Amino acid sequence: MGKSYLLDTHCLMWYQGDHPRLPKKIKELIEDPNKSIYFSQINLYEIAIKQKIGKLPSFKSNIRQVYDQAIKDDFIMLNITNDHLIAFENIPLIEDHRDPFDILLIATAHEENLIILTNDDKFLLYPELVKCLW
């Protein structure tokens, strides 16, 4: 089996929406049957909150549709665990980065030994905790 990856929320949304900002190499990696691709309750929660407050006006899929499509895409659902929350507690808050969704994704990836697929440069502030690819 190949490496395992955790989708950042925008990566999950862009993949499902066939968004032009998703690089071809990342799309191919996601579709590689030798790779394990994970998505998290964190992704679903972030989408739900941002939709509720109007921050995702162009993203029309509801959480059930996002979840169902991810399962159809053979992604592996990763539930938030106590270990992820304990790891979250140990992630330092950096002045320029306080996004709780990102920090919980970093904690989860660290705890599960996953590489995060993201184009968010803020994840690069934690090189000792998580590996990123884009």
C-alpha atoms as a PDB file:
ATOM      1  CA  MET A   1       0.000   0.000   0.000  1.00  0.00           C
ATOM      2  CA  GLY A   2       1.179   3.520  -0.762  1.00  0.00           C
ATOM      3  CA  LYS A   3       1.238   6.577   1.460  1.00  0.00           C
ATOM      4  CA  SER A   4      -1.806   7.888   3.287  1.00  0.00           C
ATOM      5  CA  TYR A   5      -3.191  11.404   2.988  1.00  0.00           C
ATOM      6  CA  LEU A   6      -5.675  13.620   4.806  1.00  0.00           C
ATOM      7  CA  LEU A   7      -7.660  16.110   2.748  1.00  0.00           C
ATOM      8  CA  ASP A   8      -7.777  19.712   3.882  1.00  0.00           C
ATOM      9  CA  THR A   9     -11.333  21.000   3.605  1.00  0.00           C
ATOM     10  CA  HIS A  10     -10.751  23.110   0.500  1.00  0.00           C
ATOM     11  CA  CYS A  11      -9.069  20.132  -1.182  1.00  0.00           C
ATOM     12  CA  LEU A  12     -12.112  17.949  -0.503  1.00  0.00           C
ATOM     13  CA  MET A  13     -14.448  20.630  -1.827  1.00  0.00           C
ATOM     14  CA  TRP A  14     -12.318  21.345  -4.890  1.00  0.00           C
ATOM     15  CA  TYR A  15     -12.032  17.656  -5.722  1.00  0.00           C
ATOM     16  CA  GLN A  16     -15.769  17.119  -5.443  1.00  0.00           C
ATOM     17  CA  GLY A  17     -16.492  20.251  -7.477  1.00  0.00           C
ATOM     18  CA  ASP A  18     -13.797  19.530 -10.092  1.00  0.00           C
ATOM     19  CA  HIS A  19     -12.462  23.012  -9.327  1.00  0.00           C
ATOM     20  CA  PRO A  20      -9.802  24.375 -11.728  1.00  0.00           C
ATOM     21  CA  ARG A  21      -7.571  25.401  -8.780  1.00  0.00           C
ATOM     22  CA  LEU A  22      -7.024  21.732  -7.865  1.00  0.00           C
ATOM     23  CA  PRO A  23      -3.692  20.842  -9.501  1.00  0.00           C
ATOM     24  CA  LYS A  24      -3.730  17.914 -11.897  1.00  0.00           C
ATOM     25  CA  LYS A  25      -0.970  16.144  -9.925  1.00  0.00           C
ATOM     26  CA  ILE A  26      -3.056  16.338  -6.720  1.00  0.00           C
ATOM     27  CA  LYS A  27      -6.163  15.061  -8.507  1.00  0.00           C
ATOM     28  CA  GLU A  28      -4.138  12.156  -9.907  1.00  0.00           C
ATOM     29  CA  LEU A  29      -2.687  11.391  -6.487  1.00  0.00           C
ATOM     30  CA  ILE A  30      -6.191  11.376  -4.956  1.00  0.00           C
ATOM     31  CA  GLU A  31      -7.370   9.004  -7.677  1.00  0.00           C
ATOM     32  CA  ASP A  32      -4.368   6.666  -7.356  1.00  0.00           C
ATOM     33  CA  PRO A  33      -5.720   3.321  -6.083  1.00  0.00           C
ATOM     34  CA  ASN A  34      -2.418   2.707  -4.270  1.00  0.00           C
ATOM     35  CA  LYS A  35      -2.975   5.725  -2.003  1.00  0.00           C
ATOM     36  CA  SER A  36      -5.239   5.875   1.026  1.00  0.00           C
ATOM     37  CA  ILE A  37      -7.202   9.119   1.102  1.00  0.00           C
ATOM     38  CA  TYR A  38      -8.844  10.223   4.339  1.00  0.00           C
ATOM     39  CA  PHE A  39     -11.396  12.896   5.059  1.00  0.00           C
ATOM     40  CA  SER A  40     -12.499  13.909   8.506  1.00  0.00           C
ATOM     41  CA  GLN A  41     -15.467  14.974  10.546  1.00  0.00           C
ATOM     42  CA  ILE A  42     -13.443  18.172  10.836  1.00  0.00           C
ATOM     43  CA  ASN A  43     -13.953  18.802   7.107  1.00  0.00           C
ATOM     44  CA  LEU A  44     -17.692  18.257   7.402  1.00  0.00           C
ATOM     45  CA  TYR A  45     -17.982  20.467  10.468  1.00  0.00           C
ATOM     46  CA  GLU A  46     -15.982  23.258   8.834  1.00  0.00           C
ATOM     47  CA  ILE A  47     -18.164  23.157   5.713  1.00  0.00           C
ATOM     48  CA  ALA A  48     -21.352  23.139   7.813  1.00  0.00           C
ATOM     49  CA  ILE A  49     -20.270  26.143   9.870  1.00  0.00           C
ATOM     50  CA  LYS A  50     -19.037  28.149   6.896  1.00  0.00           C
ATOM     51  CA  GLN A  51     -22.229  27.428   4.952  1.00  0.00           C
ATOM     52  CA  LYS A  52     -24.329  28.445   7.958  1.00  0.00           C
ATOM     53  CA  ILE A  53     -22.611  31.826   8.227  1.00  0.00           C
ATOM     54  CA  GLY A  54     -22.619  32.445   4.472  1.00  0.00           C
ATOM     55  CA  LYS A  55     -18.893  31.989   3.767  1.00  0.00           C
ATOM     56  CA  LEU A  56     -19.388  29.356   1.040  1.00  0.00           C
ATOM     57  CA  PRO A  57     -22.066  30.864  -1.230  1.00  0.00           C
ATOM     58  CA  SER A  58     -20.878  29.042  -4.352  1.00  0.00           C
ATOM     59  CA  PHE A  59     -20.570  25.603  -2.707  1.00  0.00           C
ATOM     60  CA  LYS A  60     -24.010  24.065  -3.079  1.00  0.00           C
ATOM     61  CA  SER A  61     -23.513  20.527  -1.717  1.00  0.00           C
ATOM     62  CA  ASN A  62     -24.886  19.867   1.741  1.00  0.00           C
ATOM     63  CA  ILE A  63     -23.008  17.818   4.326  1.00  0.00           C
ATOM     64  CA  ARG A  64     -24.873  14.584   3.494  1.00  0.00           C
ATOM     65  CA  GLN A  65     -23.946  15.011  -0.182  1.00  0.00           C
ATOM     66  CA  VAL A  66     -20.299  15.751   0.665  1.00  0.00           C
ATOM     67  CA  TYR A  67     -20.122  12.701   2.934  1.00  0.00           C
ATOM     68  CA  ASP A  68     -21.886  10.383   0.456  1.00  0.00           C
ATOM     69  CA  GLN A  69     -19.676  11.522  -2.432  1.00  0.00           C
ATOM     70  CA  ALA A  70     -16.505  11.065  -0.371  1.00  0.00           C
ATOM     71  CA  ILE A  71     -17.542   7.497   0.432  1.00  0.00           C
ATOM     72  CA  LYS A  72     -18.339   6.877  -3.272  1.00  0.00           C
ATOM     73  CA  ASP A  73     -14.858   8.214  -4.060  1.00  0.00           C
ATOM     74  CA  ASP A  74     -13.439   5.511  -1.757  1.00  0.00           C
ATOM     75  CA  PHE A  75     -12.164   8.018   0.778  1.00  0.00           C
ATOM     76  CA  ILE A  76     -11.850   6.775   4.334  1.00  0.00           C
ATOM     77  CA  MET A  77     -13.867   8.571   7.010  1.00  0.00           C
ATOM     78  CA  LEU A  78     -11.768   9.591   9.991  1.00  0.00           C
ATOM     79  CA  ASN A  79     -13.767  10.321  13.118  1.00  0.00           C
ATOM     80  CA  ILE A  80     -12.431  12.780  15.657  1.00  0.00           C
ATOM     81  CA  THR A  81     -11.013  10.848  18.603  1.00  0.00           C
ATOM     82  CA  ASN A  82      -9.899  11.766  22.094  1.00  0.00           C
ATOM     83  CA  ASP A  83      -6.303  11.226  20.919  1.00  0.00           C
ATOM     84  CA  HIS A  84      -6.816  13.884  18.233  1.00  0.00           C
ATOM     85  CA  LEU A  85      -8.181  16.306  20.828  1.00  0.00           C
ATOM     86  CA  ILE A  86      -5.291  15.584  23.179  1.00  0.00           C
ATOM     87  CA  ALA A  87      -2.854  16.183  20.310  1.00  0.00           C
ATOM     88  CA  PHE A  88      -4.752  19.416  19.501  1.00  0.00           C
ATOM     89  CA  GLU A  89      -3.992  20.612  23.002  1.00  0.00           C
ATOM     90  CA  ASN A  90      -0.258  20.274  22.272  1.00  0.00           C
ATOM     91  CA  ILE A  91      -0.226  22.192  18.966  1.00  0.00           C
ATOM     92  CA  PRO A  92       1.245  25.643  19.594  1.00  0.00           C
ATOM     93  CA  LEU A  93      -0.802  28.668  18.616  1.00  0.00           C
ATOM     94  CA  ILE A  94       1.212  30.735  16.191  1.00  0.00           C
ATOM     95  CA  GLU A  95       0.435  34.450  16.018  1.00  0.00           C
ATOM     96  CA  ASP A  96      -0.418  34.355  12.303  1.00  0.00           C
ATOM     97  CA  HIS A  97      -2.436  31.156  12.517  1.00  0.00           C
ATOM     98  CA  ARG A  98      -5.233  30.441  14.956  1.00  0.00           C
ATOM     99  CA  ASP A  99      -7.733  28.588  12.750  1.00  0.00           C
ATOM    100  CA  PRO A 100      -9.173  25.815  14.972  1.00  0.00           C
ATOM    101  CA  PHE A 101     -10.125  23.631  12.000  1.00  0.00           C
ATOM    102  CA  ASP A 102      -6.590  23.739  10.614  1.00  0.00           C
ATOM    103  CA  ILE A 103      -5.052  23.064  14.008  1.00  0.00           C
ATOM    104  CA  LEU A 104      -7.302  20.051  14.594  1.00  0.00           C
ATOM    105  CA  LEU A 105      -6.444  18.747  11.103  1.00  0.00           C
ATOM    106  CA  ILE A 106      -2.741  19.155  11.942  1.00  0.00           C
ATOM    107  CA  ALA A 107      -3.214  17.334  15.254  1.00  0.00           C
ATOM    108  CA  THR A 108      -5.141  14.558  13.511  1.00  0.00           C
ATOM    109  CA  ALA A 109      -2.586  14.155  10.726  1.00  0.00           C
ATOM    110  CA  HIS A 110       0.223  14.115  13.288  1.00  0.00           C
ATOM    111  CA  GLU A 111      -1.543  11.529  15.450  1.00  0.00           C
ATOM    112  CA  GLU A 112      -2.470   9.316  12.460  1.00  0.00           C
ATOM    113  CA  ASN A 113       0.814   9.803  10.562  1.00  0.00           C
ATOM    114  CA  LEU A 114      -0.931  11.261   7.511  1.00  0.00           C
ATOM    115  CA  ILE A 115       0.275  13.779   4.925  1.00  0.00           C
ATOM    116  CA  ILE A 116      -2.107  16.720   4.510  1.00  0.00           C
ATOM    117  CA  LEU A 117      -3.138  17.672   0.992  1.00  0.00           C
ATOM    118  CA  THR A 118      -3.468  21.457   1.150  1.00  0.00           C
ATOM    119  CA  ASN A 119      -2.510  24.637  -0.637  1.00  0.00           C
ATOM    120  CA  ASP A 120      -2.736  26.602   2.623  1.00  0.00           C
ATOM    121  CA  ASP A 121       0.735  27.960   3.417  1.00  0.00           C
ATOM    122  CA  LYS A 122      -0.195  28.258   7.099  1.00  0.00           C
ATOM    123  CA  PHE A 123       0.256  24.481   7.463  1.00  0.00           C
ATOM    124  CA  LEU A 124       3.925  24.984   6.610  1.00  0.00           C
ATOM    125  CA  LEU A 125       4.337  26.790   9.944  1.00  0.00           C
ATOM    126  CA  TYR A 126       4.311  23.336  11.610  1.00  0.00           C
ATOM    127  CA  PRO A 127       7.053  21.381   9.797  1.00  0.00           C
ATOM    128  CA  GLU A 128       8.005  19.407  12.906  1.00  0.00           C
ATOM    129  CA  LEU A 129       4.402  18.229  13.351  1.00  0.00           C
ATOM    130  CA  VAL A 130       2.990  17.561   9.899  1.00  0.00           C
ATOM    131  CA  LYS A 131       3.968  16.939   6.303  1.00  0.00           C
ATOM    132  CA  CYS A 132       2.038  18.702   3.551  1.00  0.00           C
ATOM    133  CA  LEU A 133       1.792  18.218  -0.174  1.00  0.00           C
ATOM    134  CA  TRP A 134       0.438  20.405  -2.958  1.00  0.00           C
END
